[in-house]
Amino acid sequence: MDKSMLADMDSLGEADKQRMSTMIDQLQIRDSLRMYNSLVERCFTDCVDTFKHKSLQKQEESCVRRCAEKFLKHSMRVGMRFAELNQGAATQD
């Protein structure tokens, strides 16, 4: 968020600030659920081959674990990169 947006939020009344905070929280929850659903879908599609057993086979389980770790590491790296870019943009203002 840049400085002008923060200044705009400071000028809001308490009720509006609360509504904005609620909307931001809802957006964050929605984004978290989307990321989780994407992770589950991708790893399931890549790793689960058959439905012959009630539980995952050892190779499927290790595949899912590796897939999830890679996905989360990638997501963290992208988030860090966006934070770096945002920090650079904020210092240029």
Protein backbone atom coordinates (compact mmCIF):
# COMPACT_ATOMS: atom_id res chain seq x y z
CA MET A 1 0.00 0.00 0.00
CA ASP A 2 1.45 3.37 -0.89
CA LYS A 3 1.48 6.46 1.31
CA SER A 4 -1.49 8.14 -0.38
CA MET A 5 -3.66 5.08 0.23
CA LEU A 6 -2.65 5.03 3.89
CA ALA A 7 -3.46 8.72 4.16
CA ASP A 8 -6.84 8.10 2.54
CA MET A 9 -7.61 5.36 5.06
CA ASP A 10 -6.67 7.66 7.94
CA SER A 11 -9.32 10.11 6.76
CA LEU A 12 -12.07 7.47 7.00
CA GLY A 13 -14.47 7.28 9.89
CA GLU A 14 -14.29 4.38 12.34
CA ALA A 15 -17.19 2.50 10.72
CA ASP A 16 -15.57 2.79 7.28
CA LYS A 17 -12.19 1.70 8.65
CA GLN A 18 -13.88 -1.35 10.18
CA ARG A 19 -15.60 -2.19 6.87
CA MET A 20 -12.30 -1.83 5.00
CA SER A 21 -10.54 -4.03 7.53
CA THR A 22 -13.27 -6.67 7.19
CA MET A 23 -13.04 -6.56 3.39
CA ILE A 24 -9.25 -6.92 3.50
CA ASP A 25 -9.56 -9.88 5.88
CA GLN A 26 -12.10 -11.53 3.56
CA LEU A 27 -9.84 -11.02 0.54
CA GLN A 28 -6.92 -12.56 2.41
CA ILE A 29 -9.01 -15.58 3.41
CA ARG A 30 -10.25 -15.98 -0.17
CA ASP A 31 -6.70 -15.83 -1.51
CA SER A 32 -5.50 -18.35 1.06
CA LEU A 33 -8.29 -20.75 0.12
CA ARG A 34 -7.52 -20.34 -3.57
CA MET A 35 -3.87 -21.13 -2.95
CA TYR A 36 -4.76 -24.17 -0.85
CA ASN A 37 -7.23 -25.45 -3.47
CA SER A 38 -4.67 -24.94 -6.22
CA LEU A 39 -2.08 -26.85 -4.19
CA VAL A 40 -4.44 -29.77 -3.55
CA GLU A 41 -5.58 -29.97 -7.16
CA ARG A 42 -2.08 -29.78 -8.62
CA CYS A 43 -0.51 -32.29 -6.25
CA PHE A 44 -3.44 -34.71 -6.47
CA THR A 45 -3.40 -34.62 -10.27
CA ASP A 46 0.37 -35.08 -10.43
CA CYS A 47 0.75 -37.72 -7.73
CA VAL A 48 -2.33 -39.91 -7.37
CA ASP A 49 -2.50 -42.60 -10.03
CA THR A 50 -5.14 -45.08 -8.91
CA PHE A 51 -8.02 -45.51 -6.50
CA LYS A 52 -7.36 -49.17 -5.73
CA HIS A 53 -6.52 -48.49 -2.08
CA LYS A 54 -8.25 -46.54 0.65
CA SER A 55 -5.10 -44.60 1.52
CA LEU A 56 -2.18 -43.22 -0.47
CA GLN A 57 0.60 -45.55 -1.52
CA LYS A 58 4.11 -44.71 -0.24
CA GLN A 59 5.25 -43.28 -3.58
CA GLU A 60 2.06 -41.21 -3.87
CA GLU A 61 2.49 -39.90 -0.34
CA SER A 62 6.12 -38.89 -0.92
CA CYS A 63 5.14 -37.30 -4.24
CA VAL A 64 2.41 -35.26 -2.54
CA ARG A 65 4.83 -34.19 0.19
CA ARG A 66 7.46 -33.05 -2.34
CA CYS A 67 4.82 -31.34 -4.47
CA ALA A 68 3.41 -29.43 -1.50
CA GLU A 69 6.88 -28.38 -0.32
CA LYS A 70 7.80 -27.11 -3.78
CA PHE A 71 4.52 -25.25 -4.15
CA LEU A 72 4.85 -23.58 -0.75
CA LYS A 73 8.51 -22.65 -1.32
CA HIS A 74 7.59 -21.16 -4.69
CA SER A 75 4.70 -19.21 -3.17
CA MET A 76 6.94 -17.89 -0.40
CA ARG A 77 9.57 -16.83 -2.93
CA VAL A 78 6.99 -15.04 -5.07
CA GLY A 79 5.62 -13.30 -1.97
CA MET A 80 9.13 -12.22 -0.94
CA ARG A 81 9.79 -10.90 -4.45
CA PHE A 82 6.56 -8.88 -4.45
CA ALA A 83 7.49 -7.49 -1.03
CA GLU A 84 10.91 -6.48 -2.39
CA LEU A 85 9.31 -4.80 -5.39
CA ASN A 86 6.74 -3.07 -3.18
CA GLN A 87 9.51 -1.87 -0.84
CA GLY A 88 11.43 -0.47 -3.81
CA ALA A 89 8.34 1.29 -5.14
CA ALA A 90 7.58 2.76 -1.70
CA THR A 91 11.09 4.21 -1.36
CA GLN A 92 10.86 5.84 -4.79
CA ASP A 93 7.80 7.91 -3.74
